Protein backbone atom coordinates (compact mmCIF):
# COMPACT_ATOMS: atom_id res chain seq x y z
CA MET A 1 -0.50 9.53 -17.31
CA THR A 2 0.64 7.95 -14.04
CA LYS A 3 -1.37 4.95 -12.91
CA ASN A 4 -2.63 4.67 -9.38
CA LEU A 5 -0.59 2.53 -7.00
CA LYS A 6 -1.72 0.41 -4.06
CA TRP A 7 -0.67 1.84 -0.67
CA ARG A 8 -1.05 0.02 2.68
CA CYS A 9 -1.13 1.91 5.97
CA GLU A 10 1.59 0.46 8.18
CA SER A 11 -0.45 1.21 11.30
CA CYS A 12 -3.86 -0.28 10.57
CA GLY A 13 -3.38 -2.14 7.25
CA TYR A 14 -5.96 -0.11 5.28
CA THR A 15 -5.23 -0.09 1.53
CA VAL A 16 -5.85 2.86 -0.79
CA GLU A 17 -5.36 3.24 -4.53
CA GLU A 18 -3.82 6.63 -5.35
CA LYS A 19 -0.93 8.10 -7.33
CA GLN A 20 0.74 9.14 -4.05
CA PRO A 21 0.06 7.93 -0.50
CA PRO A 22 -2.29 10.15 1.49
CA GLU A 23 -1.00 12.44 4.24
CA ASN A 24 -3.41 10.90 6.78
CA CYS A 25 -4.90 7.42 6.66
CA PRO A 26 -8.60 7.53 5.69
CA ALA A 27 -9.33 4.61 8.06
CA CYS A 28 -7.42 5.35 11.28
CA LYS A 29 -7.20 9.14 10.67
CA GLN A 30 -3.54 9.19 11.78
CA LYS A 31 -0.47 10.49 9.99
CA CYS A 32 1.00 7.10 9.06
CA LYS A 33 3.69 5.62 6.88
CA PHE A 34 2.36 3.91 3.75
CA ALA A 35 4.02 0.99 1.96
CA ASN A 36 3.71 0.57 -1.79
CA VAL A 37 2.15 -2.90 -2.17
CA THR A 38 1.52 -2.67 -5.92
CA CYS A 39 2.19 -5.82 -7.93
CA TYR A 40 4.70 -5.30 -10.74
CA THR A 41 5.13 -8.90 -11.94
CA PRO A 42 2.88 -11.46 -13.63
CA ASP A 43 3.33 -13.81 -10.64
CA CYS A 44 0.87 -11.77 -8.57
CA GLY A 45 -1.38 -10.67 -11.41
CA GLY A 46 0.55 -7.66 -12.65
CA PRO A 47 -0.26 -3.96 -12.30
CA GLY A 48 -3.59 -3.19 -10.68
CA ASN A 49 -3.20 -5.96 -8.12
CA ILE A 50 -1.71 -6.16 -4.65
CA ASP A 51 1.53 -8.10 -4.25
CA PRO A 52 0.80 -10.53 -1.39
CA ASN A 53 4.52 -10.77 -0.56
CA LEU A 54 4.64 -7.03 0.12
CA TYR A 55 1.20 -6.74 1.72
CA ASP A 56 1.88 -9.39 4.36
CA ARG A 57 5.27 -7.93 5.34
CA LYS A 58 5.13 -6.11 8.69
CA GLU A 59 7.55 -3.38 9.70
CA LYS A 60 9.23 -4.14 13.01
CA LYS A 61 8.45 -1.56 15.66
CA LYS A 62 11.47 -0.28 17.59
């Protein structure tokens, strides 16, 4: 059984917990890129938590 991961919308910052990122963001209703912000180490609380180092990272717009 695959556990749910934490996904952050790169447009509005909304976070969802799903096995795969959604096609459209539930918050901004746009087709957005989603970043996996799931914690995988004990430093940030382990699985089931958001890794603050990944969550705070912003993609640079070109």
